[in-house]
Amino acid sequence: MTDIDTDARGAVDPAMPPTADDPALLEALATELGGVLESMEQVSDYLERVVHAVRRHIEGCDEVGVTVLSANRPHTAAYTTVQTLEIDAAQYALDEGPCLDAARHRTENHVADLVVDDGRWPRFAQECREEGMRSLLALPLVSGTECVGAINLYAWAPHAFDRFDAAMVRVAASRCADALVAVTALDGARRLAGQLEQAMASRAIIEQAKGVIMAMRGVPEHEAFEVLRKTSQDRNVKVRVLAQQIVTGVSTPEPPTVP
């Protein structure tokens, strides 16, 4: 397990495979994650957009989560699937792991293969191996002088991430950090903590709706969320509102209509 960025120059771990940068991909991700949050109520939807955009743009990435520090306590503010949430929760329970290290010490942590454990996070590494995760990438969310958390990428395959992936994630981390710091300055850290708790509570209905779509269509969890996301955009309805409509529709004579 090695840091990919521990100096002021932003040098990546030389052990990471070299790749050719693609400015168009970097620009596409930056554009997708652009915009300004005008209120705390927009945080949850924005972070959901971040994790799913990162997963789509980073080849080989299977799961993504965003950890936010509130009153120095870590919270998973957004995640791609429940398994992401479970792996993040293992770090919090053990009080060790690359995402906590990234958030607390502003380090960029790259784990090429969890089977090869250098002893920095032995209990967390064991948890990941039991879950089948083999590699990960954790970058801090830094804006100016503030660090508000970390973004965490997980993969089932070893050596899943390269230098260009790290560059892509830096773009996402920077945009995400700037948005969180700006809205916190506007509405206050206490409101952020409350909004995160409320968002996690409302996430249950989204998980139920994904389950309905998975059962109706026979698709995996990631694809079920993409159906939700695209339908919410097409209908100009928030994902949580659409999820409630789908779950409610299951118990009514009229089946839920999701294109």
C-alpha atoms as a PDB file:
ATOM      1  CA  MET A   1       0.000   0.000   0.000  1.00  0.00           C
ATOM      2  CA  THR A   2       1.595   3.273  -1.063  1.00  0.00           C
ATOM      3  CA  ASP A   3       0.807   6.968  -1.245  1.00  0.00           C
ATOM      4  CA  ILE A   4       0.457   8.282  -4.768  1.00  0.00           C
ATOM      5  CA  ASP A   5       0.849  11.898  -3.700  1.00  0.00           C
ATOM      6  CA  THR A   6       2.758  12.957  -0.624  1.00  0.00           C
ATOM      7  CA  ASP A   7       4.616  16.068  -1.760  1.00  0.00           C
ATOM      8  CA  ALA A   8       3.714  19.601  -2.767  1.00  0.00           C
ATOM      9  CA  ARG A   9       4.428  18.862  -6.436  1.00  0.00           C
ATOM     10  CA  GLY A  10       1.609  16.345  -6.691  1.00  0.00           C
ATOM     11  CA  ALA A  11       3.919  13.561  -7.907  1.00  0.00           C
ATOM     12  CA  VAL A  12       2.201  10.208  -8.284  1.00  0.00           C
ATOM     13  CA  ASP A  13       3.517   6.900  -7.050  1.00  0.00           C
ATOM     14  CA  PRO A  14       6.106   5.726  -9.600  1.00  0.00           C
ATOM     15  CA  ALA A  15       4.789   2.180  -9.171  1.00  0.00           C
ATOM     16  CA  MET A  16       1.503   3.178 -10.777  1.00  0.00           C
ATOM     17  CA  PRO A  17       1.352   2.273 -14.477  1.00  0.00           C
ATOM     18  CA  PRO A  18       2.007   5.239 -16.790  1.00  0.00           C
ATOM     19  CA  THR A  19      -0.737   6.310 -19.195  1.00  0.00           C
ATOM     20  CA  ALA A  20      -1.283   9.008 -21.774  1.00  0.00           C
ATOM     21  CA  ASP A  21      -3.470  11.868 -20.574  1.00  0.00           C
ATOM     22  CA  ASP A  22      -6.661  12.607 -22.483  1.00  0.00           C
ATOM     23  CA  PRO A  23      -7.605  16.283 -21.984  1.00  0.00           C
ATOM     24  CA  ALA A  24     -11.037  15.679 -23.507  1.00  0.00           C
ATOM     25  CA  LEU A  25     -11.926  13.143 -20.814  1.00  0.00           C
ATOM     26  CA  LEU A  26     -10.681  15.446 -18.073  1.00  0.00           C
ATOM     27  CA  GLU A  27     -12.730  18.310 -19.481  1.00  0.00           C
ATOM     28  CA  ALA A  28     -15.830  16.127 -19.830  1.00  0.00           C
ATOM     29  CA  LEU A  29     -15.670  15.081 -16.186  1.00  0.00           C
ATOM     30  CA  ALA A  30     -15.017  18.645 -15.021  1.00  0.00           C
ATOM     31  CA  THR A  31     -17.995  19.885 -17.024  1.00  0.00           C
ATOM     32  CA  GLU A  32     -20.297  17.187 -15.671  1.00  0.00           C
ATOM     33  CA  LEU A  33     -19.363  18.090 -12.095  1.00  0.00           C
ATOM     34  CA  GLY A  34     -19.516  21.838 -12.608  1.00  0.00           C
ATOM     35  CA  GLY A  35     -22.035  24.266 -11.184  1.00  0.00           C
ATOM     36  CA  VAL A  36     -22.564  26.082  -7.921  1.00  0.00           C
ATOM     37  CA  LEU A  37     -24.581  24.792  -4.978  1.00  0.00           C
ATOM     38  CA  GLU A  38     -26.974  27.477  -3.845  1.00  0.00           C
ATOM     39  CA  SER A  39     -28.256  25.767  -0.702  1.00  0.00           C
ATOM     40  CA  MET A  40     -27.542  22.872   1.627  1.00  0.00           C
ATOM     41  CA  GLU A  41     -30.548  21.004   0.225  1.00  0.00           C
ATOM     42  CA  GLN A  42     -28.650  20.514  -3.050  1.00  0.00           C
ATOM     43  CA  VAL A  43     -25.662  18.762  -1.425  1.00  0.00           C
ATOM     44  CA  SER A  44     -27.043  15.223  -1.456  1.00  0.00           C
ATOM     45  CA  ASP A  45     -28.100  15.276  -5.119  1.00  0.00           C
ATOM     46  CA  TYR A  46     -24.777  16.828  -6.141  1.00  0.00           C
ATOM     47  CA  LEU A  47     -22.694  14.222  -4.310  1.00  0.00           C
ATOM     48  CA  GLU A  48     -24.795  11.454  -5.847  1.00  0.00           C
ATOM     49  CA  ARG A  49     -23.972  12.940  -9.237  1.00  0.00           C
ATOM     50  CA  VAL A  50     -20.273  12.989  -8.320  1.00  0.00           C
ATOM     51  CA  VAL A  51     -19.954   9.327  -7.322  1.00  0.00           C
ATOM     52  CA  HIS A  52     -21.829   7.991 -10.346  1.00  0.00           C
ATOM     53  CA  ALA A  53     -19.996  10.284 -12.764  1.00  0.00           C
ATOM     54  CA  VAL A  54     -16.629   9.169 -11.405  1.00  0.00           C
ATOM     55  CA  ARG A  55     -17.597   5.521 -11.710  1.00  0.00           C
ATOM     56  CA  ARG A  56     -18.689   6.012 -15.332  1.00  0.00           C
ATOM     57  CA  HIS A  57     -15.547   7.897 -16.326  1.00  0.00           C
ATOM     58  CA  ILE A  58     -12.923   5.743 -14.564  1.00  0.00           C
ATOM     59  CA  GLU A  59     -12.468   2.470 -16.412  1.00  0.00           C
ATOM     60  CA  GLY A  60     -11.985  -0.430 -14.011  1.00  0.00           C
ATOM     61  CA  CYS A  61     -13.644   1.360 -11.092  1.00  0.00           C
ATOM     62  CA  ASP A  62     -16.447  -0.684  -9.517  1.00  0.00           C
ATOM     63  CA  GLU A  63     -17.572   1.406  -6.543  1.00  0.00           C
ATOM     64  CA  VAL A  64     -17.252   5.036  -5.397  1.00  0.00           C
ATOM     65  CA  GLY A  65     -18.010   6.733  -2.101  1.00  0.00           C
ATOM     66  CA  VAL A  66     -17.625  10.232  -0.680  1.00  0.00           C
ATOM     67  CA  THR A  67     -16.638  10.611   2.955  1.00  0.00           C
ATOM     68  CA  VAL A  68     -17.352  13.990   4.554  1.00  0.00           C
ATOM     69  CA  LEU A  69     -15.897  15.078   7.889  1.00  0.00           C
ATOM     70  CA  SER A  70     -18.413  16.841  10.110  1.00  0.00           C
ATOM     71  CA  ALA A  71     -17.244  17.883  13.581  1.00  0.00           C
ATOM     72  CA  ASN A  72     -14.233  15.635  12.807  1.00  0.00           C
ATOM     73  CA  ARG A  73     -16.539  12.629  12.430  1.00  0.00           C
ATOM     74  CA  PRO A  74     -16.640  10.753   9.095  1.00  0.00           C
ATOM     75  CA  HIS A  75     -19.939  10.254   7.279  1.00  0.00           C
ATOM     76  CA  THR A  76     -20.519   8.544   3.937  1.00  0.00           C
ATOM     77  CA  ALA A  77     -22.393  11.293   2.142  1.00  0.00           C
ATOM     78  CA  ALA A  78     -22.864   9.463  -1.181  1.00  0.00           C
ATOM     79  CA  TYR A  79     -22.155   6.002  -2.551  1.00  0.00           C
ATOM     80  CA  THR A  80     -22.758   3.968  -5.693  1.00  0.00           C
ATOM     81  CA  THR A  81     -24.018   0.761  -4.052  1.00  0.00           C
ATOM     82  CA  VAL A  82     -24.666  -0.583  -0.575  1.00  0.00           C
ATOM     83  CA  GLN A  83     -21.355  -2.466  -0.717  1.00  0.00           C
ATOM     84  CA  THR A  84     -19.549   0.878  -0.946  1.00  0.00           C
ATOM     85  CA  LEU A  85     -21.334   1.963   2.212  1.00  0.00           C
ATOM     86  CA  GLU A  86     -20.335  -1.257   3.970  1.00  0.00           C
ATOM     87  CA  ILE A  87     -16.639  -0.873   3.109  1.00  0.00           C
ATOM     88  CA  ASP A  88     -16.641   2.760   4.225  1.00  0.00           C
ATOM     89  CA  ALA A  89     -18.398   1.744   7.452  1.00  0.00           C
ATOM     90  CA  ALA A  90     -15.665  -0.817   8.132  1.00  0.00           C
ATOM     91  CA  GLN A  91     -13.086   1.975   8.057  1.00  0.00           C
ATOM     92  CA  TYR A  92     -15.101   4.089  10.470  1.00  0.00           C
ATOM     93  CA  ALA A  93     -15.659   1.193  12.875  1.00  0.00           C
ATOM     94  CA  LEU A  94     -11.990   0.194  12.839  1.00  0.00           C
ATOM     95  CA  ASP A  95     -10.852   3.842  12.824  1.00  0.00           C
ATOM     96  CA  GLU A  96      -8.281   3.032  10.157  1.00  0.00           C
ATOM     97  CA  GLY A  97      -8.089   2.950   6.402  1.00  0.00           C
ATOM     98  CA  PRO A  98      -7.007   4.893   3.319  1.00  0.00           C
ATOM     99  CA  CYS A  99     -10.069   7.141   3.109  1.00  0.00           C
ATOM    100  CA  LEU A 100      -9.768   8.221   6.751  1.00  0.00           C
ATOM    101  CA  ASP A 101      -6.050   8.767   6.233  1.00  0.00           C
ATOM    102  CA  ALA A 102      -6.756  10.848   3.126  1.00  0.00           C
ATOM    103  CA  ALA A 103      -9.345  12.973   4.923  1.00  0.00           C
ATOM    104  CA  ARG A 104      -7.335  13.483   8.108  1.00  0.00           C
ATOM    105  CA  HIS A 105      -3.850  13.918   6.668  1.00  0.00           C
ATOM    106  CA  ARG A 106      -4.539  15.157   3.126  1.00  0.00           C
ATOM    107  CA  THR A 107      -2.692  12.227   1.553  1.00  0.00           C
ATOM    108  CA  GLU A 108      -3.496  10.473  -1.693  1.00  0.00           C
ATOM    109  CA  ASN A 109      -3.563   6.741  -1.030  1.00  0.00           C
ATOM    110  CA  HIS A 110      -3.286   4.072  -3.699  1.00  0.00           C
ATOM    111  CA  VAL A 111      -3.612   0.376  -2.903  1.00  0.00           C
ATOM    112  CA  ALA A 112      -2.590  -1.625  -5.968  1.00  0.00           C
ATOM    113  CA  ASP A 113      -3.437  -5.014  -4.468  1.00  0.00           C
ATOM    114  CA  LEU A 114      -4.927  -5.633  -1.037  1.00  0.00           C
ATOM    115  CA  VAL A 115      -3.477  -9.132  -1.044  1.00  0.00           C
ATOM    116  CA  VAL A 116      -0.062  -7.470  -0.636  1.00  0.00           C
ATOM    117  CA  ASP A 117      -0.436  -5.774   2.746  1.00  0.00           C
ATOM    118  CA  ASP A 118       2.339  -3.497   4.032  1.00  0.00           C
ATOM    119  CA  GLY A 119       0.817  -3.318   7.510  1.00  0.00           C
ATOM    120  CA  ARG A 120      -0.481   0.258   7.550  1.00  0.00           C
ATOM    121  CA  TRP A 121      -4.173  -0.737   7.744  1.00  0.00           C
ATOM    122  CA  PRO A 122      -4.057  -4.462   8.527  1.00  0.00           C
ATOM    123  CA  ARG A 123      -7.572  -4.849   9.929  1.00  0.00           C
ATOM    124  CA  PHE A 124      -9.179  -2.855   7.138  1.00  0.00           C
ATOM    125  CA  ALA A 125      -7.165  -4.726   4.500  1.00  0.00           C
ATOM    126  CA  GLN A 126      -8.436  -7.994   5.936  1.00  0.00           C
ATOM    127  CA  GLU A 127     -12.053  -6.735   5.795  1.00  0.00           C
ATOM    128  CA  CYS A 128     -11.628  -5.772   2.137  1.00  0.00           C
ATOM    129  CA  ARG A 129     -10.079  -9.092   1.218  1.00  0.00           C
ATOM    130  CA  GLU A 130     -13.036 -10.868   2.795  1.00  0.00           C
ATOM    131  CA  GLU A 131     -15.379  -8.709   0.682  1.00  0.00           C
ATOM    132  CA  GLY A 132     -13.370  -9.437  -2.468  1.00  0.00           C
ATOM    133  CA  MET A 133     -12.014  -5.919  -3.045  1.00  0.00           C
ATOM    134  CA  ARG A 134      -8.488  -5.900  -4.462  1.00  0.00           C
ATOM    135  CA  SER A 135      -7.512  -2.277  -5.147  1.00  0.00           C
ATOM    136  CA  LEU A 136      -8.531   1.218  -4.164  1.00  0.00           C
ATOM    137  CA  LEU A 137      -7.769   4.883  -4.552  1.00  0.00           C
ATOM    138  CA  ALA A 138      -8.553   7.535  -1.912  1.00  0.00           C
ATOM    139  CA  LEU A 139      -8.029  11.265  -2.454  1.00  0.00           C
ATOM    140  CA  PRO A 140      -8.694  14.135  -0.030  1.00  0.00           C
ATOM    141  CA  LEU A 141     -11.317  16.795  -0.718  1.00  0.00           C
ATOM    142  CA  VAL A 142      -9.246  19.960  -0.379  1.00  0.00           C
ATOM    143  CA  SER A 143     -10.364  23.497  -1.182  1.00  0.00           C
ATOM    144  CA  GLY A 144      -7.993  26.295  -0.252  1.00  0.00           C
ATOM    145  CA  THR A 145      -6.841  25.609   3.300  1.00  0.00           C
ATOM    146  CA  GLU A 146      -9.753  23.318   4.155  1.00  0.00           C
ATOM    147  CA  CYS A 147     -10.042  19.549   3.853  1.00  0.00           C
ATOM    148  CA  VAL A 148     -13.648  18.385   4.139  1.00  0.00           C
ATOM    149  CA  GLY A 149     -13.315  14.665   3.490  1.00  0.00           C
ATOM    150  CA  ALA A 150     -12.229  12.167   0.828  1.00  0.00           C
ATOM    151  CA  ILE A 151     -13.422  10.444  -2.320  1.00  0.00           C
ATOM    152  CA  ASN A 152     -12.892   6.691  -2.406  1.00  0.00           C
ATOM    153  CA  LEU A 153     -12.702   4.385  -5.427  1.00  0.00           C
ATOM    154  CA  TYR A 154     -12.825   0.594  -5.103  1.00  0.00           C
ATOM    155  CA  ALA A 155     -12.203  -2.184  -7.633  1.00  0.00           C
ATOM    156  CA  TRP A 156     -12.587  -5.949  -7.655  1.00  0.00           C
ATOM    157  CA  ALA A 157      -9.469  -6.353  -9.810  1.00  0.00           C
ATOM    158  CA  PRO A 158      -5.891  -5.731  -8.655  1.00  0.00           C
ATOM    159  CA  HIS A 159      -3.935  -2.831 -10.216  1.00  0.00           C
ATOM    160  CA  ALA A 160      -7.177  -1.255 -11.400  1.00  0.00           C
ATOM    161  CA  PHE A 161      -6.038   2.381 -11.250  1.00  0.00           C
ATOM    162  CA  ASP A 162      -3.268   4.208 -13.112  1.00  0.00           C
ATOM    163  CA  ARG A 163      -1.799   7.709 -13.146  1.00  0.00           C
ATOM    164  CA  PHE A 164      -4.423   9.112 -15.469  1.00  0.00           C
ATOM    165  CA  ASP A 165      -7.160   7.743 -13.220  1.00  0.00           C
ATOM    166  CA  ALA A 166      -5.553   9.616 -10.339  1.00  0.00           C
ATOM    167  CA  ALA A 167      -5.533  12.791 -12.441  1.00  0.00           C
ATOM    168  CA  MET A 168      -9.218  12.303 -13.276  1.00  0.00           C
ATOM    169  CA  VAL A 169     -10.129  11.788  -9.630  1.00  0.00           C
ATOM    170  CA  ARG A 170      -8.205  14.934  -8.651  1.00  0.00           C
ATOM    171  CA  VAL A 171     -10.516  16.905 -10.938  1.00  0.00           C
ATOM    172  CA  ALA A 172     -13.574  15.395  -9.257  1.00  0.00           C
ATOM    173  CA  ALA A 173     -12.134  15.867  -5.761  1.00  0.00           C
ATOM    174  CA  SER A 174     -11.323  19.517  -6.426  1.00  0.00           C
ATOM    175  CA  ARG A 175     -14.783  20.330  -7.825  1.00  0.00           C
ATOM    176  CA  CYS A 176     -16.476  18.436  -5.014  1.00  0.00           C
ATOM    177  CA  ALA A 177     -14.393  20.130  -2.296  1.00  0.00           C
ATOM    178  CA  ASP A 178     -14.962  23.612  -3.724  1.00  0.00           C
ATOM    179  CA  ALA A 179     -18.727  23.038  -3.818  1.00  0.00           C
ATOM    180  CA  LEU A 180     -18.870  21.705  -0.248  1.00  0.00           C
ATOM    181  CA  VAL A 181     -16.701  24.472   1.192  1.00  0.00           C
ATOM    182  CA  ALA A 182     -18.709  27.158  -0.588  1.00  0.00           C
ATOM    183  CA  VAL A 183     -22.101  25.868   0.562  1.00  0.00           C
ATOM    184  CA  THR A 184     -20.814  25.303   4.113  1.00  0.00           C
ATOM    185  CA  ALA A 185     -19.618  28.900   4.237  1.00  0.00           C
ATOM    186  CA  LEU A 186     -23.067  29.952   3.057  1.00  0.00           C
ATOM    187  CA  ASP A 187     -25.228  27.788   5.318  1.00  0.00           C
ATOM    188  CA  GLY A 188     -22.900  26.651   8.099  1.00  0.00           C
ATOM    189  CA  ALA A 189     -21.279  23.390   9.178  1.00  0.00           C
ATOM    190  CA  ARG A 190     -24.129  22.476  11.527  1.00  0.00           C
ATOM    191  CA  ARG A 191     -26.615  22.562   8.672  1.00  0.00           C
ATOM    192  CA  LEU A 192     -24.291  20.354   6.631  1.00  0.00           C
ATOM    193  CA  ALA A 193     -24.258  17.709   9.365  1.00  0.00           C
ATOM    194  CA  GLY A 194     -28.046  17.803   9.583  1.00  0.00           C
ATOM    195  CA  GLN A 195     -28.425  17.601   5.817  1.00  0.00           C
ATOM    196  CA  LEU A 196     -26.132  14.574   5.628  1.00  0.00           C
ATOM    197  CA  GLU A 197     -28.144  12.734   8.272  1.00  0.00           C
ATOM    198  CA  GLN A 198     -31.395  13.575   6.492  1.00  0.00           C
ATOM    199  CA  ALA A 199     -29.953  12.448   3.144  1.00  0.00           C
ATOM    200  CA  MET A 200     -28.891   9.080   4.536  1.00  0.00           C
ATOM    201  CA  ALA A 201     -32.352   8.572   6.011  1.00  0.00           C
ATOM    202  CA  SER A 202     -34.014   9.318   2.664  1.00  0.00           C
ATOM    203  CA  ARG A 203     -31.551   7.032   0.880  1.00  0.00           C
ATOM    204  CA  ALA A 204     -33.538   4.023   2.120  1.00  0.00           C
ATOM    205  CA  ILE A 205     -36.365   4.794  -0.312  1.00  0.00           C
ATOM    206  CA  ILE A 206     -33.874   4.989  -3.197  1.00  0.00           C
ATOM    207  CA  GLU A 207     -32.501   1.562  -2.275  1.00  0.00           C
ATOM    208  CA  GLN A 208     -36.049   0.174  -2.261  1.00  0.00           C
ATOM    209  CA  ALA A 209     -36.769   1.684  -5.671  1.00  0.00           C
ATOM    210  CA  LYS A 210     -33.566   0.210  -7.067  1.00  0.00           C
ATOM    211  CA  GLY A 211     -34.682  -3.167  -5.761  1.00  0.00           C
ATOM    212  CA  VAL A 212     -38.005  -2.807  -7.582  1.00  0.00           C
ATOM    213  CA  ILE A 213     -36.268  -1.950 -10.865  1.00  0.00           C
ATOM    214  CA  MET A 214     -33.762  -4.791 -10.421  1.00  0.00           C
ATOM    215  CA  ALA A 215     -36.618  -7.255  -9.907  1.00  0.00           C
ATOM    216  CA  MET A 216     -38.737  -5.907 -12.776  1.00  0.00           C
ATOM    217  CA  ARG A 217     -35.931  -5.714 -15.313  1.00  0.00           C
ATOM    218  CA  GLY A 218     -33.446  -8.293 -14.076  1.00  0.00           C
ATOM    219  CA  VAL A 219     -30.613  -5.743 -14.092  1.00  0.00           C
ATOM    220  CA  PRO A 220     -27.709  -5.203 -11.654  1.00  0.00           C
ATOM    221  CA  GLU A 221     -27.709  -2.471  -9.013  1.00  0.00           C
ATOM    222  CA  HIS A 222     -25.605   0.060 -10.933  1.00  0.00           C
ATOM    223  CA  GLU A 223     -27.859  -0.176 -13.964  1.00  0.00           C
ATOM    224  CA  ALA A 224     -30.956   0.181 -11.782  1.00  0.00           C
ATOM    225  CA  PHE A 225     -29.649   3.480 -10.442  1.00  0.00           C
ATOM    226  CA  GLU A 226     -28.862   4.683 -13.972  1.00  0.00           C
ATOM    227  CA  VAL A 227     -32.510   4.015 -14.873  1.00  0.00           C
ATOM    228  CA  LEU A 228     -33.570   6.117 -11.874  1.00  0.00           C
ATOM    229  CA  ARG A 229     -31.129   8.901 -12.698  1.00  0.00           C
ATOM    230  CA  LYS A 230     -32.045   9.156 -16.378  1.00  0.00           C
ATOM    231  CA  THR A 231     -35.779   8.980 -15.666  1.00  0.00           C
ATOM    232  CA  SER A 232     -35.513  11.716 -13.043  1.00  0.00           C
ATOM    233  CA  GLN A 233     -33.683  13.932 -15.544  1.00  0.00           C
ATOM    234  CA  ASP A 234     -36.173  13.226 -18.345  1.00  0.00           C
ATOM    235  CA  ARG A 235     -39.133  13.994 -16.094  1.00  0.00           C
ATOM    236  CA  ASN A 236     -37.401  16.828 -14.192  1.00  0.00           C
ATOM    237  CA  VAL A 237     -38.202  15.100 -10.897  1.00  0.00           C
ATOM    238  CA  LYS A 238     -35.785  14.595  -8.014  1.00  0.00           C
ATOM    239  CA  VAL A 239     -34.441  11.056  -7.685  1.00  0.00           C
ATOM    240  CA  ARG A 240     -35.874  10.703  -4.171  1.00  0.00           C
ATOM    241  CA  VAL A 241     -39.344  11.808  -5.324  1.00  0.00           C
ATOM    242  CA  LEU A 242     -39.272   9.397  -8.268  1.00  0.00           C
ATOM    243  CA  ALA A 243     -38.091   6.592  -5.971  1.00  0.00           C
ATOM    244  CA  GLN A 244     -41.035   7.216  -3.661  1.00  0.00           C
ATOM    245  CA  GLN A 245     -43.418   7.092  -6.622  1.00  0.00           C
ATOM    246  CA  ILE A 246     -41.962   3.763  -7.775  1.00  0.00           C
ATOM    247  CA  VAL A 247     -42.094   2.157  -4.325  1.00  0.00           C
ATOM    248  CA  THR A 248     -45.635   3.441  -3.738  1.00  0.00           C
ATOM    249  CA  GLY A 249     -46.704   2.201  -7.160  1.00  0.00           C
ATOM    250  CA  VAL A 250     -45.693  -1.368  -6.303  1.00  0.00           C
ATOM    251  CA  SER A 251     -48.477  -1.605  -3.736  1.00  0.00           C
ATOM    252  CA  THR A 252     -51.131  -0.050  -5.987  1.00  0.00           C
ATOM    253  CA  PRO A 253     -53.147  -1.643  -8.839  1.00  0.00           C
ATOM    254  CA  GLU A 254     -51.232   0.515 -11.324  1.00  0.00           C
ATOM    255  CA  PRO A 255     -47.629  -0.726 -11.737  1.00  0.00           C
ATOM    256  CA  PRO A 256     -44.809   1.854 -11.632  1.00  0.00           C
ATOM    257  CA  THR A 257     -43.832   3.118 -15.074  1.00  0.00           C
ATOM    258  CA  VAL A 258     -40.113   3.504 -15.537  1.00  0.00           C
ATOM    259  CA  PRO A 259     -38.939   3.678 -19.134  1.00  0.00           C
END
